[in-house]
Amino acid sequence: MVEMVMSLALEKTMLKGQILSCYMSKIYWGHGIYGVESASTFYFGKHPSCLSLGESAMLAGLIPAPELRSPLRDPSRGKTFQARVLKRMVDVGFLDFETALFVVKQYLPLHVTESEAPVVFLPGVGTNSKLRDIWDWETESKIWEACEDMERWALKVRDGASAKRSCSQY
């Protein structure tokens, strides 16, 4: 109840864009990073205004659980949540699905230095290893699965749209 009253009061004093800007500059993005500008620089080495659609979608996908969804911890997870953001953009009419498919298939190079990469322990290996140096068939297959899921979803949307168009002609 308190949050509702505070949000109503906030909306009376600030524009929604200002509220969003304040929120984005304060939230946690994983790996000890706070604020969208720091996150953009950390993950991609550029200012937020210079991010591509794919990079922006990747960051947006991190917001609910930045440590869990981090592309540094699991590259396929980062792509999966990027695809979900793009799918939602298509669902609300902000993006066409051809563009979404094109973007989700693009490789997103992360701009993280060796010292910034998270250290993980791999069972059975016996030594610590930098996660970004580990790229195996399983990780790659998860990324392709996300792309295939996006393509299947796009075909369903396309088939549904063409069925609606053909039905509306009668």
Protein backbone atom coordinates (compact mmCIF):
# COMPACT_ATOMS: atom_id res chain seq x y z
CA MET A 1 0.00 0.00 0.00
CA VAL A 2 2.83 2.37 0.85
CA GLU A 3 4.49 1.68 -2.51
CA MET A 4 1.27 2.51 -4.34
CA VAL A 5 0.88 5.85 -2.56
CA MET A 6 4.55 6.66 -3.15
CA SER A 7 4.30 5.79 -6.84
CA LEU A 8 1.23 8.00 -7.27
CA ALA A 9 3.01 10.88 -5.54
CA LEU A 10 6.07 10.32 -7.69
CA GLU A 11 4.01 10.37 -10.89
CA LYS A 12 2.60 13.76 -9.88
CA THR A 13 6.07 15.29 -9.54
CA MET A 14 7.96 13.56 -12.38
CA LEU A 15 7.29 12.52 -15.95
CA LYS A 16 7.32 8.78 -16.70
CA GLY A 17 10.49 9.21 -18.76
CA GLN A 18 12.21 10.85 -15.81
CA ILE A 19 11.11 8.05 -13.49
CA LEU A 20 12.41 5.44 -15.91
CA SER A 21 15.69 7.31 -16.30
CA CYS A 22 16.17 7.46 -12.53
CA TYR A 23 15.31 3.79 -12.19
CA MET A 24 17.69 2.70 -14.96
CA SER A 25 20.53 4.72 -13.46
CA LYS A 26 20.13 3.07 -10.04
CA ILE A 27 19.32 -0.61 -10.59
CA TYR A 28 21.72 -3.51 -10.25
CA TRP A 29 23.02 -5.11 -13.47
CA GLY A 30 25.11 -7.93 -12.02
CA HIS A 31 28.84 -8.30 -11.32
CA GLY A 32 28.83 -5.33 -8.94
CA ILE A 33 27.55 -2.93 -11.62
CA TYR A 34 24.89 -0.31 -10.87
CA GLY A 35 23.29 1.97 -13.45
CA VAL A 36 22.65 1.45 -17.14
CA GLU A 37 25.62 3.55 -18.25
CA SER A 38 28.03 1.44 -16.20
CA ALA A 39 26.33 -1.76 -17.38
CA SER A 40 26.53 -0.71 -21.01
CA THR A 41 30.22 0.08 -20.64
CA PHE A 42 30.91 -3.12 -18.69
CA TYR A 43 29.14 -5.53 -21.04
CA PHE A 44 29.63 -3.83 -24.41
CA GLY A 45 32.26 -1.10 -23.99
CA LYS A 46 30.00 1.71 -25.16
CA HIS A 47 27.57 4.37 -24.01
CA PRO A 48 23.90 3.29 -23.84
CA SER A 49 22.99 5.62 -26.70
CA CYS A 50 25.38 3.66 -28.95
CA LEU A 51 23.97 0.20 -28.18
CA SER A 52 22.44 -1.88 -30.94
CA LEU A 53 18.94 -3.32 -30.64
CA GLY A 54 20.41 -6.71 -29.75
CA GLU A 55 22.66 -5.25 -27.07
CA SER A 56 19.80 -3.24 -25.60
CA ALA A 57 17.55 -6.30 -25.56
CA MET A 58 20.27 -8.31 -23.85
CA LEU A 59 20.56 -5.69 -21.11
CA ALA A 60 16.78 -5.45 -20.74
CA GLY A 61 16.66 -9.21 -20.29
CA LEU A 62 19.05 -8.95 -17.34
CA ILE A 63 16.90 -6.63 -15.22
CA PRO A 64 14.75 -9.16 -13.29
CA ALA A 65 17.71 -11.34 -12.23
CA PRO A 66 21.03 -9.91 -13.42
CA GLU A 67 23.34 -12.47 -11.80
CA LEU A 68 21.26 -15.45 -12.89
CA ARG A 69 20.74 -14.16 -16.44
CA SER A 70 24.26 -12.86 -16.99
CA PRO A 71 25.72 -13.73 -20.39
CA LEU A 72 29.08 -13.96 -18.63
CA ARG A 73 27.87 -16.81 -16.46
CA ASP A 74 26.09 -18.62 -19.29
CA PRO A 75 26.10 -17.15 -22.81
CA SER A 76 23.07 -19.18 -23.84
CA ARG A 77 21.06 -17.78 -20.95
CA GLY A 78 21.87 -14.24 -22.04
CA LYS A 79 20.69 -15.01 -25.58
CA THR A 80 17.55 -16.72 -24.29
CA PHE A 81 16.47 -13.66 -22.33
CA GLN A 82 17.45 -11.38 -25.20
CA ALA A 83 15.11 -13.44 -27.41
CA ARG A 84 12.32 -13.12 -24.83
CA VAL A 85 12.66 -9.34 -24.80
CA LEU A 86 12.58 -9.24 -28.61
CA LYS A 87 9.55 -11.54 -28.66
CA ARG A 88 7.74 -9.23 -26.27
CA MET A 89 8.62 -6.25 -28.48
CA VAL A 90 7.03 -8.08 -31.42
CA ASP A 91 3.99 -9.05 -29.33
CA VAL A 92 3.25 -5.42 -28.47
CA GLY A 93 3.87 -4.21 -32.03
CA PHE A 94 7.09 -2.35 -31.37
CA LEU A 95 9.16 -4.58 -33.68
CA ASP A 96 8.45 -6.84 -36.65
CA PHE A 97 9.37 -10.49 -36.26
CA GLU A 98 11.79 -10.55 -39.22
CA THR A 99 13.91 -7.94 -37.46
CA ALA A 100 13.63 -9.83 -34.18
CA LEU A 101 14.81 -13.04 -35.85
CA PHE A 102 17.68 -11.21 -37.51
CA VAL A 103 18.77 -9.67 -34.21
CA VAL A 104 18.52 -12.87 -32.16
CA LYS A 105 20.76 -14.69 -34.65
CA GLN A 106 23.51 -12.09 -34.37
CA TYR A 107 26.55 -12.78 -32.26
CA LEU A 108 26.98 -10.29 -29.42
CA PRO A 109 30.62 -9.84 -28.49
CA LEU A 110 30.95 -8.89 -24.86
CA HIS A 111 33.51 -6.27 -23.91
CA VAL A 112 34.82 -7.68 -20.67
CA THR A 113 38.49 -7.69 -19.77
CA GLU A 114 40.23 -10.79 -18.43
CA SER A 115 40.22 -9.39 -14.89
CA GLU A 116 36.47 -8.66 -15.04
CA ALA A 117 35.36 -12.09 -16.24
CA PRO A 118 33.74 -14.13 -13.48
CA VAL A 119 35.72 -17.04 -12.13
CA VAL A 120 33.86 -20.33 -11.90
CA PHE A 121 34.77 -23.76 -10.63
CA LEU A 122 34.07 -26.54 -13.07
CA PRO A 123 33.28 -29.90 -11.50
CA GLY A 124 35.79 -32.54 -12.48
CA VAL A 125 38.34 -30.05 -13.79
CA GLY A 126 39.99 -29.32 -10.46
CA THR A 127 41.05 -25.76 -11.28
CA ASN A 128 39.35 -22.44 -11.62
CA SER A 129 38.74 -21.24 -15.13
CA LYS A 130 37.52 -18.05 -16.73
CA LEU A 131 33.98 -18.68 -17.93
CA ARG A 132 34.35 -16.67 -21.09
CA ASP A 133 37.18 -18.96 -22.17
CA ILE A 134 34.89 -21.98 -22.00
CA TRP A 135 32.86 -22.57 -25.11
CA ASP A 136 31.66 -26.06 -25.73
CA TRP A 137 29.11 -27.70 -27.96
CA GLU A 138 26.50 -27.68 -25.18
CA THR A 139 26.63 -23.91 -24.78
CA GLU A 140 26.54 -23.36 -28.52
CA SER A 141 23.62 -25.74 -28.93
CA LYS A 142 21.64 -23.85 -26.27
CA ILE A 143 22.09 -20.64 -28.23
CA TRP A 144 20.93 -22.31 -31.43
CA GLU A 145 17.95 -23.77 -29.54
CA ALA A 146 16.96 -20.24 -28.50
CA CYS A 147 17.22 -19.12 -32.14
CA GLU A 148 15.16 -22.09 -33.30
CA ASP A 149 12.53 -21.39 -30.64
CA MET A 150 12.35 -17.80 -31.87
CA GLU A 151 11.96 -19.00 -35.47
CA ARG A 152 9.19 -21.46 -34.52
CA TRP A 153 7.42 -18.72 -32.61
CA ALA A 154 7.75 -16.34 -35.58
CA LEU A 155 6.28 -18.94 -37.94
CA LYS A 156 3.31 -19.40 -35.62
CA VAL A 157 2.79 -15.64 -35.50
CA ARG A 158 3.10 -15.40 -39.28
CA ASP A 159 0.73 -18.34 -39.86
CA GLY A 160 -1.75 -16.89 -37.39
CA ALA A 161 -1.59 -13.46 -39.03
CA SER A 162 -2.08 -14.88 -42.53
CA ALA A 163 -4.99 -17.02 -41.30
CA LYS A 164 -6.61 -13.94 -39.76
CA ARG A 165 -6.09 -11.99 -42.99
CA SER A 166 -7.59 -14.73 -45.15
CA CYS A 167 -10.56 -15.12 -42.78
CA SER A 168 -11.21 -11.39 -42.70
CA GLN A 169 -11.44 -11.28 -46.50
CA TYR A 170 -14.73 -13.21 -46.43
